[in-house]
Amino acid sequence: KNLSDQHWKEILSPVQYEICRNKGTEPPFSGEYVNTKTNGTYHCLCCGNALFHSEKKFNSGTGWPSFWDPINVQSVITKEDFSMSAIRTEVLCKQCDSHLGHVFEDGPQPTGLRYCINSVSLKLEED
């Protein structure tokens, strides 16, 4: 979904736009899905692409929903992020380039990864 910036501003709330399109971050422990234990699939808020499943969600204690792996390698893309003092790896929806969060190498096995994702960028569809 290659929509214009103006179109995104019209269909997203100001907070959704700031996080999903301007690469913002919701405050820790403020997101709707931080403590959610509901079984289901987490989709991209902007385009509906299936991103993560609850089976791969874990409590990282960081204040954001965390997953040890996406639904499949085709659902997200990563790129280096130099916006802070440290180099981080940004996670984006492969379908619409929506900013989701960042991935870190301090997660549980089997991947050792922690996909730290903003609740605002997700929509949970219960199983």
Protein backbone atom coordinates (compact mmCIF):
# COMPACT_ATOMS: atom_id res chain seq x y z
CA LYS A 1 0.00 0.00 0.00
CA ASN A 2 1.96 2.97 -1.26
CA LEU A 3 -0.22 5.76 0.05
CA SER A 4 0.73 9.43 0.11
CA ASP A 5 1.82 11.04 3.35
CA GLN A 6 -1.36 13.12 3.25
CA HIS A 7 -3.51 9.98 2.94
CA TRP A 8 -1.78 8.39 5.99
CA LYS A 9 -2.49 11.59 7.95
CA GLU A 10 -6.17 11.30 7.04
CA ILE A 11 -6.63 7.65 8.01
CA LEU A 12 -4.40 7.41 11.12
CA SER A 13 -4.80 9.18 14.46
CA PRO A 14 -2.01 11.66 15.31
CA VAL A 15 -0.38 9.12 17.66
CA GLN A 16 -0.65 6.29 15.10
CA TYR A 17 0.83 8.56 12.43
CA GLU A 18 3.72 9.64 14.67
CA ILE A 19 4.70 6.05 15.47
CA CYS A 20 3.89 4.23 12.23
CA ARG A 21 4.95 6.85 9.67
CA ASN A 22 7.40 9.10 11.62
CA LYS A 23 9.16 6.24 13.45
CA GLY A 24 8.08 7.38 16.90
CA THR A 25 7.97 5.26 20.05
CA GLU A 26 5.10 4.90 22.51
CA PRO A 27 6.01 5.38 26.19
CA PRO A 28 6.99 2.11 27.92
CA PHE A 29 4.15 0.21 29.66
CA SER A 30 1.54 2.42 27.94
CA GLY A 31 0.62 0.16 25.01
CA GLU A 32 -2.57 -1.84 24.70
CA TYR A 33 -0.75 -5.16 24.08
CA VAL A 34 2.10 -5.03 26.63
CA ASN A 35 0.46 -7.53 29.00
CA THR A 36 -1.97 -9.18 26.57
CA LYS A 37 -2.00 -12.96 26.78
CA THR A 38 -4.82 -13.46 24.24
CA ASN A 39 -4.09 -16.07 21.56
CA GLY A 40 -4.09 -14.62 18.09
CA THR A 41 -2.27 -12.95 15.25
CA TYR A 42 -0.87 -9.44 15.43
CA HIS A 43 -1.38 -7.57 12.16
CA CYS A 44 0.03 -4.30 10.85
CA LEU A 45 -2.31 -1.46 11.82
CA CYS A 46 -1.69 0.30 8.51
CA CYS A 47 -2.18 -2.50 5.96
CA GLY A 48 -3.36 -5.64 7.78
CA ASN A 49 -0.25 -7.72 7.00
CA ALA A 50 0.14 -10.65 9.47
CA LEU A 51 3.29 -9.92 11.50
CA PHE A 52 3.53 -11.89 14.76
CA HIS A 53 1.66 -14.69 16.54
CA SER A 54 0.95 -14.81 20.26
CA GLU A 55 2.78 -18.17 20.49
CA LYS A 56 6.03 -16.25 19.93
CA LYS A 57 5.23 -13.41 22.37
CA PHE A 58 7.04 -13.21 25.71
CA ASN A 59 7.23 -10.87 28.69
CA SER A 60 10.51 -9.02 28.24
CA GLY A 61 9.86 -6.60 31.12
CA THR A 62 10.82 -3.70 28.82
CA GLY A 63 7.37 -2.12 28.56
CA TRP A 64 6.63 -3.08 24.94
CA PRO A 65 5.11 -6.20 23.40
CA SER A 66 8.02 -8.50 22.60
CA PHE A 67 8.26 -11.45 20.23
CA TRP A 68 11.11 -13.88 19.59
CA ASP A 69 10.25 -14.32 15.90
CA PRO A 70 7.87 -12.90 13.28
CA ILE A 71 5.14 -15.06 11.69
CA ASN A 72 7.46 -15.59 8.73
CA VAL A 73 10.51 -13.99 7.16
CA GLN A 74 8.31 -12.39 4.50
CA SER A 75 6.25 -10.36 6.98
CA VAL A 76 8.86 -7.86 8.22
CA ILE A 77 12.04 -6.19 7.02
CA THR A 78 14.85 -4.70 9.06
CA LYS A 79 17.26 -1.87 8.47
CA GLU A 80 19.94 -0.09 10.43
CA ASP A 81 18.72 2.90 12.44
CA PHE A 82 21.23 5.62 13.30
CA SER A 83 18.73 8.01 14.93
CA MET A 84 19.95 7.49 18.51
CA SER A 85 23.46 7.42 19.96
CA ALA A 86 23.64 3.66 19.39
CA ILE A 87 23.08 1.79 16.13
CA ARG A 88 19.82 -0.12 16.34
CA THR A 89 17.93 -2.38 13.95
CA GLU A 90 14.55 -1.01 12.94
CA VAL A 91 11.67 -3.39 12.18
CA LEU A 92 9.24 -2.40 9.40
CA CYS A 93 6.18 -3.99 7.84
CA LYS A 94 7.39 -5.50 4.57
CA GLN A 95 4.10 -4.67 2.86
CA CYS A 96 3.68 -0.94 3.68
CA ASP A 97 6.93 0.19 5.37
CA SER A 98 5.13 1.02 8.61
CA HIS A 99 7.55 1.47 11.54
CA LEU A 100 6.91 -1.30 14.06
CA GLY A 101 9.79 -1.03 16.52
CA HIS A 102 13.29 -2.48 16.84
CA VAL A 103 14.89 -5.92 17.17
CA PHE A 104 17.59 -6.70 19.72
CA GLU A 105 19.81 -9.73 20.30
CA ASP A 106 18.82 -10.30 23.94
CA GLY A 107 15.71 -12.45 23.50
CA PRO A 108 14.94 -16.05 24.46
CA GLN A 109 15.84 -19.16 22.53
CA PRO A 110 15.41 -20.53 19.94
CA THR A 111 16.22 -17.27 18.10
CA GLY A 112 17.87 -15.16 20.81
CA LEU A 113 15.99 -12.18 19.35
CA ARG A 114 13.63 -9.66 20.93
CA TYR A 115 11.33 -7.91 18.50
CA CYS A 116 10.35 -4.90 20.61
CA ILE A 117 7.17 -3.61 18.95
CA ASN A 118 4.91 -0.60 19.56
CA SER A 119 1.34 -1.64 20.45
CA VAL A 120 0.08 1.32 18.42
CA SER A 121 1.45 -0.24 15.21
CA LEU A 122 -0.42 -3.52 15.81
CA LYS A 123 -3.97 -4.86 15.60
CA LEU A 124 -4.66 -8.19 17.36
CA GLU A 125 -7.00 -10.65 15.68
CA GLU A 126 -8.00 -13.34 18.17
CA ASP A 127 -7.71 -17.02 17.17
